[in-house]
Amino acid sequence: MEKHKCDCGKQAVWVYMPGNLRDSNPYSCDDCVVSPENKIGCSCNWNYAKEQEGLPADLPQGEEGKDWKWVEFEGDDSMSPITKEDGFWVSLDERGRPYPCIEFDYDEDGFEIEE
């Protein structure tokens, strides 16, 4: 069977589960699912390293810069600046990228086009 393609033309292995966003293609290949410009990932994957009332700190495991990194963002029109001191960190995949939003599903074999 034929498989869904990413906008770049490669076989898609990720699909955005809520479906089409503004009539865009919900299917992405592994190279395109996280933009190289996106250094902080989706906030749904952020962890908080500071103690909160009644909760322990969620400290990262592994090597900083390889397995995880601090969420740092200079800010823009839609989001305030975030610094290391704010205490947010994100896990990184084997390519050193933040994982995509949890609303993406992954299938290493791709997604068949249903006829």
PDB file of N, CA and C in Angstrom:
ATOM      1  N   MET A   1       0.834  -1.183   0.000  1.00  0.00           N
ATOM      2  CA  MET A   1       0.000   0.000   0.000  1.00  0.00           C
ATOM      3  C   MET A   1       0.880   1.249   0.000  1.00  0.00           C
ATOM      4  N   GLU A   2       0.291   2.304  -0.487  1.00  0.00           N
ATOM      5  CA  GLU A   2       0.984   3.582  -0.514  1.00  0.00           C
ATOM      6  C   GLU A   2       0.957   4.211   0.883  1.00  0.00           C
ATOM      7  N   LYS A   3       2.032   4.936   1.201  1.00  0.00           N
ATOM      8  CA  LYS A   3       2.152   5.570   2.528  1.00  0.00           C
ATOM      9  C   LYS A   3       2.046   7.082   2.399  1.00  0.00           C
ATOM     10  N   HIS A   4       1.616   7.713   3.497  1.00  0.00           N
ATOM     11  CA  HIS A   4       1.533   9.175   3.547  1.00  0.00           C
ATOM     12  C   HIS A   4       2.934   9.766   3.477  1.00  0.00           C
ATOM     13  N   LYS A   5       3.021  10.938   2.886  1.00  0.00           N
ATOM     14  CA  LYS A   5       4.295  11.646   2.723  1.00  0.00           C
ATOM     15  C   LYS A   5       4.287  12.941   3.530  1.00  0.00           C
ATOM     16  N   CYS A   6       5.472  13.335   3.913  1.00  0.00           N
ATOM     17  CA  CYS A   6       5.719  14.634   4.528  1.00  0.00           C
ATOM     18  C   CYS A   6       5.695  15.687   3.417  1.00  0.00           C
ATOM     19  N   ASP A   7       5.569  16.933   3.774  1.00  0.00           N
ATOM     20  CA  ASP A   7       5.606  18.007   2.782  1.00  0.00           C
ATOM     21  C   ASP A   7       6.918  18.030   1.997  1.00  0.00           C
ATOM     22  N   CYS A   8       7.992  17.514   2.577  1.00  0.00           N
ATOM     23  CA  CYS A   8       9.293  17.491   1.893  1.00  0.00           C
ATOM     24  C   CYS A   8       9.389  16.355   0.881  1.00  0.00           C
ATOM     25  N   GLY A   9       8.419  15.420   0.906  1.00  0.00           N
ATOM     26  CA  GLY A   9       8.397  14.311  -0.037  1.00  0.00           C
ATOM     27  C   GLY A   9       8.829  12.974   0.546  1.00  0.00           C
ATOM     28  N   LYS A  10       9.441  12.981   1.735  1.00  0.00           N
ATOM     29  CA  LYS A  10       9.859  11.726   2.377  1.00  0.00           C
ATOM     30  C   LYS A  10       8.652  11.035   3.013  1.00  0.00           C
ATOM     31  N   GLN A  11       8.814   9.722   3.263  1.00  0.00           N
ATOM     32  CA  GLN A  11       7.756   8.980   3.942  1.00  0.00           C
ATOM     33  C   GLN A  11       7.544   9.536   5.340  1.00  0.00           C
ATOM     34  N   ALA A  12       6.305   9.744   5.701  1.00  0.00           N
ATOM     35  CA  ALA A  12       5.963  10.258   7.021  1.00  0.00           C
ATOM     36  C   ALA A  12       6.008   9.141   8.054  1.00  0.00           C
ATOM     37  N   VAL A  13       6.605   9.434   9.202  1.00  0.00           N
ATOM     38  CA  VAL A  13       6.602   8.503  10.330  1.00  0.00           C
ATOM     39  C   VAL A  13       5.961   9.131  11.574  1.00  0.00           C
ATOM     40  N   TRP A  14       5.577  10.396  11.455  1.00  0.00           N
ATOM     41  CA  TRP A  14       4.874  11.107  12.519  1.00  0.00           C
ATOM     42  C   TRP A  14       3.555  11.638  11.971  1.00  0.00           C
ATOM     43  N   VAL A  15       2.511  11.619  12.785  1.00  0.00           N
ATOM     44  CA  VAL A  15       1.228  12.215  12.403  1.00  0.00           C
ATOM     45  C   VAL A  15       0.715  13.025  13.584  1.00  0.00           C
ATOM     46  N   TYR A  16       0.229  14.233  13.281  1.00  0.00           N
ATOM     47  CA  TYR A  16      -0.360  15.096  14.295  1.00  0.00           C
ATOM     48  C   TYR A  16      -1.779  14.605  14.533  1.00  0.00           C
ATOM     49  N   MET A  17      -2.029  14.022  15.697  1.00  0.00           N
ATOM     50  CA  MET A  17      -3.275  13.300  15.967  1.00  0.00           C
ATOM     51  C   MET A  17      -4.548  14.159  15.926  1.00  0.00           C
ATOM     52  N   PRO A  18      -4.514  15.430  16.332  1.00  0.00           N
ATOM     53  CA  PRO A  18      -5.758  16.196  16.184  1.00  0.00           C
ATOM     54  C   PRO A  18      -6.168  16.392  14.726  1.00  0.00           C
ATOM     55  N   GLY A  19      -5.283  16.088  13.793  1.00  0.00           N
ATOM     56  CA  GLY A  19      -5.640  16.193  12.382  1.00  0.00           C
ATOM     57  C   GLY A  19      -5.095  17.445  11.738  1.00  0.00           C
ATOM     58  N   ASN A  20      -5.744  17.849  10.680  1.00  0.00           N
ATOM     59  CA  ASN A  20      -5.284  19.009   9.920  1.00  0.00           C
ATOM     60  C   ASN A  20      -5.433  20.289  10.715  1.00  0.00           C
ATOM     61  N   LEU A  21      -4.353  21.024  10.752  1.00  0.00           N
ATOM     62  CA  LEU A  21      -4.359  22.340  11.369  1.00  0.00           C
ATOM     63  C   LEU A  21      -4.339  23.372  10.253  1.00  0.00           C
ATOM     64  N   ARG A  22      -5.392  24.125  10.116  1.00  0.00           N
ATOM     65  CA  ARG A  22      -5.486  25.134   9.065  1.00  0.00           C
ATOM     66  C   ARG A  22      -5.212  24.521   7.697  1.00  0.00           C
ATOM     67  N   ASP A  23      -5.788  23.369   7.432  1.00  0.00           N
ATOM     68  CA  ASP A  23      -5.658  22.668   6.159  1.00  0.00           C
ATOM     69  C   ASP A  23      -4.222  22.294   5.805  1.00  0.00           C
ATOM     70  N   SER A  24      -3.358  22.137   6.800  1.00  0.00           N
ATOM     71  CA  SER A  24      -1.987  21.706   6.535  1.00  0.00           C
ATOM     72  C   SER A  24      -1.895  20.182   6.629  1.00  0.00           C
ATOM     73  N   ASN A  25      -0.820  19.642   6.113  1.00  0.00           N
ATOM     74  CA  ASN A  25      -0.565  18.205   6.132  1.00  0.00           C
ATOM     75  C   ASN A  25      -0.200  17.772   7.549  1.00  0.00           C
ATOM     76  N   PRO A  26      -0.954  16.849   8.163  1.00  0.00           N
ATOM     77  CA  PRO A  26      -0.631  16.420   9.525  1.00  0.00           C
ATOM     78  C   PRO A  26       0.520  15.410   9.585  1.00  0.00           C
ATOM     79  N   TYR A  27       1.032  14.980   8.432  1.00  0.00           N
ATOM     80  CA  TYR A  27       2.077  13.953   8.378  1.00  0.00           C
ATOM     81  C   TYR A  27       3.455  14.589   8.212  1.00  0.00           C
ATOM     82  N   SER A  28       4.440  14.082   8.988  1.00  0.00           N
ATOM     83  CA  SER A  28       5.815  14.591   8.940  1.00  0.00           C
ATOM     84  C   SER A  28       6.811  13.447   8.937  1.00  0.00           C
ATOM     85  N   CYS A  29       7.948  13.666   8.276  1.00  0.00           N
ATOM     86  CA  CYS A  29       9.050  12.714   8.362  1.00  0.00           C
ATOM     87  C   CYS A  29       9.848  13.029   9.637  1.00  0.00           C
ATOM     88  N   ASP A  30      10.826  12.196   9.949  1.00  0.00           N
ATOM     89  CA  ASP A  30      11.604  12.390  11.160  1.00  0.00           C
ATOM     90  C   ASP A  30      12.452  13.662  11.093  1.00  0.00           C
ATOM     91  N   ASP A  31      12.838  14.064   9.893  1.00  0.00           N
ATOM     92  CA  ASP A  31      13.653  15.273   9.753  1.00  0.00           C
ATOM     93  C   ASP A  31      12.838  16.545   9.951  1.00  0.00           C
ATOM     94  N   CYS A  32      11.570  16.525   9.598  1.00  0.00           N
ATOM     95  CA  CYS A  32      10.747  17.742   9.605  1.00  0.00           C
ATOM     96  C   CYS A  32       9.830  17.890  10.813  1.00  0.00           C
ATOM     97  N   VAL A  33       9.645  16.844  11.614  1.00  0.00           N
ATOM     98  CA  VAL A  33       8.675  16.906  12.707  1.00  0.00           C
ATOM     99  C   VAL A  33       9.042  17.980  13.729  1.00  0.00           C
ATOM    100  N   VAL A  34      10.330  18.185  13.972  1.00  0.00           N
ATOM    101  CA  VAL A  34      10.796  19.256  14.845  1.00  0.00           C
ATOM    102  C   VAL A  34      11.681  20.160  14.004  1.00  0.00           C
ATOM    103  N   SER A  35      11.270  21.388  13.845  1.00  0.00           N
ATOM    104  CA  SER A  35      12.036  22.351  13.056  1.00  0.00           C
ATOM    105  C   SER A  35      13.407  22.583  13.684  1.00  0.00           C
ATOM    106  N   PRO A  36      14.462  22.689  12.876  1.00  0.00           N
ATOM    107  CA  PRO A  36      15.796  22.985  13.424  1.00  0.00           C
ATOM    108  C   PRO A  36      15.840  24.313  14.187  1.00  0.00           C
ATOM    109  N   GLU A  37      14.932  25.220  13.859  1.00  0.00           N
ATOM    110  CA  GLU A  37      14.874  26.501  14.555  1.00  0.00           C
ATOM    111  C   GLU A  37      14.226  26.387  15.932  1.00  0.00           C
ATOM    112  N   ASN A  38      13.512  25.290  16.175  1.00  0.00           N
ATOM    113  CA  ASN A  38      12.812  25.103  17.446  1.00  0.00           C
ATOM    114  C   ASN A  38      13.784  24.514  18.459  1.00  0.00           C
ATOM    115  N   LYS A  39      14.334  25.348  19.301  1.00  0.00           N
ATOM    116  CA  LYS A  39      15.335  24.915  20.288  1.00  0.00           C
ATOM    117  C   LYS A  39      14.734  24.554  21.640  1.00  0.00           C
ATOM    118  N   ILE A  40      13.428  24.833  21.830  1.00  0.00           N
ATOM    119  CA  ILE A  40      12.828  24.599  23.145  1.00  0.00           C
ATOM    120  C   ILE A  40      11.740  23.532  23.132  1.00  0.00           C
ATOM    121  N   GLY A  41      11.318  23.086  21.961  1.00  0.00           N
ATOM    122  CA  GLY A  41      10.279  22.070  21.882  1.00  0.00           C
ATOM    123  C   GLY A  41       8.932  22.600  22.329  1.00  0.00           C
ATOM    124  N   CYS A  42       8.004  21.691  22.507  1.00  0.00           N
ATOM    125  CA  CYS A  42       6.648  22.032  22.942  1.00  0.00           C
ATOM    126  C   CYS A  42       6.606  22.040  24.475  1.00  0.00           C
ATOM    127  N   SER A  43       5.905  22.993  25.035  1.00  0.00           N
ATOM    128  CA  SER A  43       5.842  23.110  26.495  1.00  0.00           C
ATOM    129  C   SER A  43       5.222  21.875  27.149  1.00  0.00           C
ATOM    130  N   CYS A  44       4.492  21.057  26.397  1.00  0.00           N
ATOM    131  CA  CYS A  44       3.910  19.843  26.978  1.00  0.00           C
ATOM    132  C   CYS A  44       4.998  18.846  27.387  1.00  0.00           C
ATOM    133  N   ASN A  45       6.209  19.013  26.859  1.00  0.00           N
ATOM    134  CA  ASN A  45       7.318  18.120  27.199  1.00  0.00           C
ATOM    135  C   ASN A  45       8.299  18.741  28.194  1.00  0.00           C
ATOM    136  N   TRP A  46       8.029  19.932  28.664  1.00  0.00           N
ATOM    137  CA  TRP A  46       8.923  20.568  29.618  1.00  0.00           C
ATOM    138  C   TRP A  46       8.764  19.944  30.999  1.00  0.00           C
ATOM    139  N   ASN A  47       9.834  19.919  31.730  1.00  0.00           N
ATOM    140  CA  ASN A  47       9.851  19.436  33.110  1.00  0.00           C
ATOM    141  C   ASN A  47      10.289  20.591  33.998  1.00  0.00           C
ATOM    142  N   TYR A  48       9.910  20.527  35.265  1.00  0.00           N
ATOM    143  CA  TYR A  48      10.216  21.606  36.193  1.00  0.00           C
ATOM    144  C   TYR A  48      11.155  21.106  37.278  1.00  0.00           C
ATOM    145  N   ALA A  49      12.335  21.700  37.370  1.00  0.00           N
ATOM    146  CA  ALA A  49      13.380  21.210  38.263  1.00  0.00           C
ATOM    147  C   ALA A  49      13.328  21.791  39.666  1.00  0.00           C
ATOM    148  N   LYS A  50      12.454  22.731  39.911  1.00  0.00           N
ATOM    149  CA  LYS A  50      12.383  23.333  41.250  1.00  0.00           C
ATOM    150  C   LYS A  50      11.311  22.652  42.081  1.00  0.00           C
ATOM    151  N   GLU A  51      11.528  22.688  43.399  1.00  0.00           N
ATOM    152  CA  GLU A  51      10.529  22.108  44.298  1.00  0.00           C
ATOM    153  C   GLU A  51       9.274  22.957  44.291  1.00  0.00           C
ATOM    154  N   GLN A  52       8.147  22.285  44.370  1.00  0.00           N
ATOM    155  CA  GLN A  52       6.859  22.949  44.487  1.00  0.00           C
ATOM    156  C   GLN A  52       6.197  22.437  45.749  1.00  0.00           C
ATOM    157  N   GLU A  53       5.286  23.204  46.273  1.00  0.00           N
ATOM    158  CA  GLU A  53       4.637  22.809  47.513  1.00  0.00           C
ATOM    159  C   GLU A  53       4.026  21.416  47.387  1.00  0.00           C
ATOM    160  N   GLY A  54       4.515  20.491  48.180  1.00  0.00           N
ATOM    161  CA  GLY A  54       3.997  19.129  48.198  1.00  0.00           C
ATOM    162  C   GLY A  54       4.525  18.221  47.099  1.00  0.00           C
ATOM    163  N   LEU A  55       5.367  18.739  46.222  1.00  0.00           N
ATOM    164  CA  LEU A  55       5.902  17.929  45.128  1.00  0.00           C
ATOM    165  C   LEU A  55       7.422  17.973  45.116  1.00  0.00           C
ATOM    166  N   PRO A  56       8.052  16.858  44.811  1.00  0.00           N
ATOM    167  CA  PRO A  56       9.515  16.883  44.720  1.00  0.00           C
ATOM    168  C   PRO A  56       9.958  17.551  43.412  1.00  0.00           C
ATOM    169  N   ALA A  57      11.188  18.000  43.393  1.00  0.00           N
ATOM    170  CA  ALA A  57      11.754  18.562  42.163  1.00  0.00           C
ATOM    171  C   ALA A  57      11.898  17.447  41.130  1.00  0.00           C
ATOM    172  N   ASP A  58      11.674  17.768  39.864  1.00  0.00           N
ATOM    173  CA  ASP A  58      11.817  16.819  38.757  1.00  0.00           C
ATOM    174  C   ASP A  58      13.167  17.096  38.096  1.00  0.00           C
ATOM    175  N   LEU A  59      14.204  16.480  38.637  1.00  0.00           N
ATOM    176  CA  LEU A  59      15.565  16.751  38.159  1.00  0.00           C
ATOM    177  C   LEU A  59      15.901  15.909  36.940  1.00  0.00           C
ATOM    178  N   PRO A  60      16.611  16.499  35.983  1.00  0.00           N
ATOM    179  CA  PRO A  60      16.973  15.755  34.766  1.00  0.00           C
ATOM    180  C   PRO A  60      17.994  14.660  35.056  1.00  0.00           C
ATOM    181  N   GLN A  61      17.958  13.616  34.230  1.00  0.00           N
ATOM    182  CA  GLN A  61      18.899  12.502  34.329  1.00  0.00           C
ATOM    183  C   GLN A  61      19.767  12.497  33.075  1.00  0.00           C
ATOM    184  N   GLY A  62      20.993  12.040  33.190  1.00  0.00           N
ATOM    185  CA  GLY A  62      21.867  11.940  32.031  1.00  0.00           C
ATOM    186  C   GLY A  62      22.742  13.170  31.872  1.00  0.00           C
ATOM    187  N   GLU A  63      23.248  13.338  30.663  1.00  0.00           N
ATOM    188  CA  GLU A  63      24.217  14.391  30.371  1.00  0.00           C
ATOM    189  C   GLU A  63      23.538  15.622  29.763  1.00  0.00           C
ATOM    190  N   GLU A  64      23.804  16.775  30.374  1.00  0.00           N
ATOM    191  CA  GLU A  64      23.257  18.030  29.849  1.00  0.00           C
ATOM    192  C   GLU A  64      23.803  18.280  28.449  1.00  0.00           C
ATOM    193  N   GLY A  65      22.930  18.659  27.534  1.00  0.00           N
ATOM    194  CA  GLY A  65      23.318  18.919  26.150  1.00  0.00           C
ATOM    195  C   GLY A  65      23.240  17.693  25.263  1.00  0.00           C
ATOM    196  N   LYS A  66      23.184  16.508  25.880  1.00  0.00           N
ATOM    197  CA  LYS A  66      23.051  15.263  25.115  1.00  0.00           C
ATOM    198  C   LYS A  66      21.690  14.620  25.380  1.00  0.00           C
ATOM    199  N   ASP A  67      21.350  14.451  26.645  1.00  0.00           N
ATOM    200  CA  ASP A  67      20.097  13.802  27.042  1.00  0.00           C
ATOM    201  C   ASP A  67      18.995  14.808  27.389  1.00  0.00           C
ATOM    202  N   TRP A  68      19.389  15.998  27.771  1.00  0.00           N
ATOM    203  CA  TRP A  68      18.443  17.033  28.179  1.00  0.00           C
ATOM    204  C   TRP A  68      19.122  18.394  28.071  1.00  0.00           C
ATOM    205  N   LYS A  69      18.303  19.454  28.113  1.00  0.00           N
ATOM    206  CA  LYS A  69      18.861  20.805  28.166  1.00  0.00           C
ATOM    207  C   LYS A  69      17.875  21.740  28.839  1.00  0.00           C
ATOM    208  N   TRP A  70      18.389  22.839  29.356  1.00  0.00           N
ATOM    209  CA  TRP A  70      17.542  23.859  29.958  1.00  0.00           C
ATOM    210  C   TRP A  70      16.742  24.551  28.870  1.00  0.00           C
ATOM    211  N   VAL A  71      15.511  24.890  29.176  1.00  0.00           N
ATOM    212  CA  VAL A  71      14.672  25.654  28.255  1.00  0.00           C
ATOM    213  C   VAL A  71      15.056  27.126  28.429  1.00  0.00           C
ATOM    214  N   GLU A  72      15.598  27.689  27.359  1.00  0.00           N
ATOM    215  CA  GLU A  72      15.974  29.102  27.370  1.00  0.00           C
ATOM    216  C   GLU A  72      15.448  29.745  26.096  1.00  0.00           C
ATOM    217  N   PHE A  73      14.769  30.876  26.271  1.00  0.00           N
ATOM    218  CA  PHE A  73      14.134  31.550  25.139  1.00  0.00           C
ATOM    219  C   PHE A  73      14.197  33.044  25.374  1.00  0.00           C
ATOM    220  N   GLU A  74      14.607  33.798  24.377  1.00  0.00           N
ATOM    221  CA  GLU A  74      14.762  35.245  24.561  1.00  0.00           C
ATOM    222  C   GLU A  74      13.442  36.000  24.560  1.00  0.00           C
ATOM    223  N   GLY A  75      12.380  35.345  24.167  1.00  0.00           N
ATOM    224  CA  GLY A  75      11.067  35.966  24.162  1.00  0.00           C
ATOM    225  C   GLY A  75      10.734  36.560  22.806  1.00  0.00           C
ATOM    226  N   ASP A  76       9.438  36.696  22.554  1.00  0.00           N
ATOM    227  CA  ASP A  76       8.960  37.318  21.320  1.00  0.00           C
ATOM    228  C   ASP A  76       7.563  37.888  21.581  1.00  0.00           C
ATOM    229  N   ASP A  77       6.846  38.213  20.523  1.00  0.00           N
ATOM    230  CA  ASP A  77       5.521  38.828  20.676  1.00  0.00           C
ATOM    231  C   ASP A  77       4.507  37.910  21.354  1.00  0.00           C
ATOM    232  N   SER A  78       4.726  36.586  21.264  1.00  0.00           N
ATOM    233  CA  SER A  78       3.731  35.660  21.808  1.00  0.00           C
ATOM    234  C   SER A  78       4.163  34.958  23.091  1.00  0.00           C
ATOM    235  N   MET A  79       5.439  35.135  23.484  1.00  0.00           N
ATOM    236  CA  MET A  79       5.924  34.397  24.652  1.00  0.00           C
ATOM    237  C   MET A  79       6.990  35.205  25.393  1.00  0.00           C
ATOM    238  N   SER A  80       6.910  35.185  26.688  1.00  0.00           N
ATOM    239  CA  SER A  80       7.880  35.898  27.524  1.00  0.00           C
ATOM    240  C   SER A  80       9.225  35.179  27.530  1.00  0.00           C
ATOM    241  N   PRO A  81      10.277  35.890  27.888  1.00  0.00           N
ATOM    242  CA  PRO A  81      11.593  35.239  27.988  1.00  0.00           C
ATOM    243  C   PRO A  81      11.596  34.134  29.051  1.00  0.00           C
ATOM    244  N   ILE A  82      12.416  33.111  28.801  1.00  0.00           N
ATOM    245  CA  ILE A  82      12.594  32.010  29.752  1.00  0.00           C
ATOM    246  C   ILE A  82      14.094  31.837  29.938  1.00  0.00           C
ATOM    247  N   THR A  83      14.524  31.745  31.185  1.00  0.00           N
ATOM    248  CA  THR A  83      15.944  31.543  31.478  1.00  0.00           C
ATOM    249  C   THR A  83      16.134  30.235  32.242  1.00  0.00           C
ATOM    250  N   LYS A  84      17.368  29.800  32.323  1.00  0.00           N
ATOM    251  CA  LYS A  84      17.708  28.593  33.071  1.00  0.00           C
ATOM    252  C   LYS A  84      17.219  28.709  34.519  1.00  0.00           C
ATOM    253  N   GLU A  85      17.289  29.913  35.054  1.00  0.00           N
ATOM    254  CA  GLU A  85      16.880  30.135  36.438  1.00  0.00           C
ATOM    255  C   GLU A  85      15.388  29.885  36.656  1.00  0.00           C
ATOM    256  N   ASP A  86      14.608  29.897  35.574  1.00  0.00           N
ATOM    257  CA  ASP A  86      13.174  29.588  35.696  1.00  0.00           C
ATOM    258  C   ASP A  86      12.947  28.116  36.009  1.00  0.00           C
ATOM    259  N   GLY A  87      13.940  27.270  35.722  1.00  0.00           N
ATOM    260  CA  GLY A  87      13.902  25.872  36.153  1.00  0.00           C
ATOM    261  C   GLY A  87      13.278  24.870  35.205  1.00  0.00           C
ATOM    262  N   PHE A  88      13.009  25.249  33.950  1.00  0.00           N
ATOM    263  CA  PHE A  88      12.414  24.301  33.009  1.00  0.00           C
ATOM    264  C   PHE A  88      13.506  23.602  32.199  1.00  0.00           C
ATOM    265  N   TRP A  89      13.322  22.301  31.978  1.00  0.00           N
ATOM    266  CA  TRP A  89      14.245  21.537  31.138  1.00  0.00           C
ATOM    267  C   TRP A  89      13.452  20.601  30.253  1.00  0.00           C
ATOM    268  N   VAL A  90      14.089  20.146  29.171  1.00  0.00           N
ATOM    269  CA  VAL A  90      13.413  19.277  28.208  1.00  0.00           C
ATOM    270  C   VAL A  90      14.357  18.136  27.824  1.00  0.00           C
ATOM    271  N   SER A  91      13.796  16.934  27.678  1.00  0.00           N
ATOM    272  CA  SER A  91      14.581  15.783  27.212  1.00  0.00           C
ATOM    273  C   SER A  91      14.878  15.937  25.725  1.00  0.00           C
ATOM    274  N   LEU A  92      16.002  15.378  25.288  1.00  0.00           N
ATOM    275  CA  LEU A  92      16.411  15.433  23.889  1.00  0.00           C
ATOM    276  C   LEU A  92      16.408  14.043  23.276  1.00  0.00           C
ATOM    277  N   ASP A  93      16.099  13.960  21.986  1.00  0.00           N
ATOM    278  CA  ASP A  93      16.146  12.676  21.298  1.00  0.00           C
ATOM    279  C   ASP A  93      17.594  12.342  20.931  1.00  0.00           C
ATOM    280  N   GLU A  94      17.795  11.218  20.252  1.00  0.00           N
ATOM    281  CA  GLU A  94      19.147  10.764  19.909  1.00  0.00           C
ATOM    282  C   GLU A  94      19.860  11.704  18.932  1.00  0.00           C
ATOM    283  N   ARG A  95      19.109  12.623  18.337  1.00  0.00           N
ATOM    284  CA  ARG A  95      19.701  13.607  17.420  1.00  0.00           C
ATOM    285  C   ARG A  95      19.912  14.961  18.096  1.00  0.00           C
ATOM    286  N   GLY A  96      19.662  15.021  19.409  1.00  0.00           N
ATOM    287  CA  GLY A  96      19.871  16.253  20.160  1.00  0.00           C
ATOM    288  C   GLY A  96      18.751  17.263  20.034  1.00  0.00           C
ATOM    289  N   ARG A  97      17.572  16.821  19.596  1.00  0.00           N
ATOM    290  CA  ARG A  97      16.417  17.708  19.417  1.00  0.00           C
ATOM    291  C   ARG A  97      15.402  17.488  20.523  1.00  0.00           C
ATOM    292  N   PRO A  98      14.637  18.528  20.874  1.00  0.00           N
ATOM    293  CA  PRO A  98      13.507  18.294  21.772  1.00  0.00           C
ATOM    294  C   PRO A  98      12.500  17.382  21.067  1.00  0.00           C
ATOM    295  N   TYR A  99      11.826  16.552  21.832  1.00  0.00           N
ATOM    296  CA  TYR A  99      10.802  15.690  21.244  1.00  0.00           C
ATOM    297  C   TYR A  99       9.633  16.535  20.744  1.00  0.00           C
ATOM    298  N   PRO A 100       8.913  16.052  19.725  1.00  0.00           N
ATOM    299  CA  PRO A 100       7.743  16.803  19.253  1.00  0.00           C
ATOM    300  C   PRO A 100       6.631  16.785  20.293  1.00  0.00           C
ATOM    301  N   CYS A 101       5.644  17.599  20.065  1.00  0.00           N
ATOM    302  CA  CYS A 101       4.470  17.686  20.930  1.00  0.00           C
ATOM    303  C   CYS A 101       3.904  16.282  21.180  1.00  0.00           C
ATOM    304  N   ILE A 102       3.356  16.087  22.363  1.00  0.00           N
ATOM    305  CA  ILE A 102       2.787  14.772  22.685  1.00  0.00           C
ATOM    306  C   ILE A 102       1.565  14.437  21.841  1.00  0.00           C
ATOM    307  N   GLU A 103       1.065  15.404  21.072  1.00  0.00           N
ATOM    308  CA  GLU A 103      -0.077  15.146  20.197  1.00  0.00           C
ATOM    309  C   GLU A 103       0.338  14.505  18.870  1.00  0.00           C
ATOM    310  N   PHE A 104       1.633  14.214  18.706  1.00  0.00           N
ATOM    311  CA  PHE A 104       2.114  13.479  17.539  1.00  0.00           C
ATOM    312  C   PHE A 104       2.212  11.997  17.882  1.00  0.00           C
ATOM    313  N   ASP A 105       1.850  11.154  16.925  1.00  0.00           N
ATOM    314  CA  ASP A 105       2.011   9.711  17.057  1.00  0.00           C
ATOM    315  C   ASP A 105       3.117   9.282  16.102  1.00  0.00           C
ATOM    316  N   TYR A 106       3.889   8.276  16.494  1.00  0.00           N
ATOM    317  CA  TYR A 106       5.027   7.804  15.707  1.00  0.00           C
ATOM    318  C   TYR A 106       4.801   6.364  15.269  1.00  0.00           C
ATOM    319  N   ASP A 107       5.165   6.065  14.028  1.00  0.00           N
ATOM    320  CA  ASP A 107       5.166   4.693  13.522  1.00  0.00           C
ATOM    321  C   ASP A 107       6.353   4.560  12.578  1.00  0.00           C
ATOM    322  N   GLU A 108       7.346   3.777  12.968  1.00  0.00           N
ATOM    323  CA  GLU A 108       8.571   3.666  12.164  1.00  0.00           C
ATOM    324  C   GLU A 108       8.306   3.122  10.768  1.00  0.00           C
ATOM    325  N   ASP A 109       7.175   2.441  10.577  1.00  0.00           N
ATOM    326  CA  ASP A 109       6.829   1.900   9.268  1.00  0.00           C
ATOM    327  C   ASP A 109       5.991   2.868   8.431  1.00  0.00           C
ATOM    328  N   GLY A 110       5.649   4.006   8.991  1.00  0.00           N
ATOM    329  CA  GLY A 110       4.847   4.990   8.264  1.00  0.00           C
ATOM    330  C   GLY A 110       3.362   4.701   8.390  1.00  0.00           C
ATOM    331  N   PHE A 111       2.566   5.509   7.683  1.00  0.00           N
ATOM    332  CA  PHE A 111       1.120   5.435   7.788  1.00  0.00           C
ATOM    333  C   PHE A 111       0.515   5.170   6.409  1.00  0.00           C
ATOM    334  N   GLU A 112      -0.202   4.061   6.294  1.00  0.00           N
ATOM    335  CA  GLU A 112      -0.804   3.698   5.011  1.00  0.00           C
ATOM    336  C   GLU A 112      -1.948   4.631   4.662  1.00  0.00           C
ATOM    337  N   ILE A 113      -2.052   4.927   3.385  1.00  0.00           N
ATOM    338  CA  ILE A 113      -3.169   5.728   2.883  1.00  0.00           C
ATOM    339  C   ILE A 113      -4.360   4.790   2.734  1.00  0.00           C
ATOM    340  N   GLU A 114      -5.435   5.116   3.428  1.00  0.00           N
ATOM    341  CA  GLU A 114      -6.641   4.282   3.336  1.00  0.00           C
ATOM    342  C   GLU A 114      -7.442   4.712   2.119  1.00  0.00           C
ATOM    343  N   GLU A 115      -7.852   3.722   1.348  1.00  0.00           N
ATOM    344  CA  GLU A 115      -8.605   4.020   0.129  1.00  0.00           C
ATOM    345  C   GLU A 115     -10.077   3.850   0.323  1.00  0.00           C
TER     346      GLU A 115
END
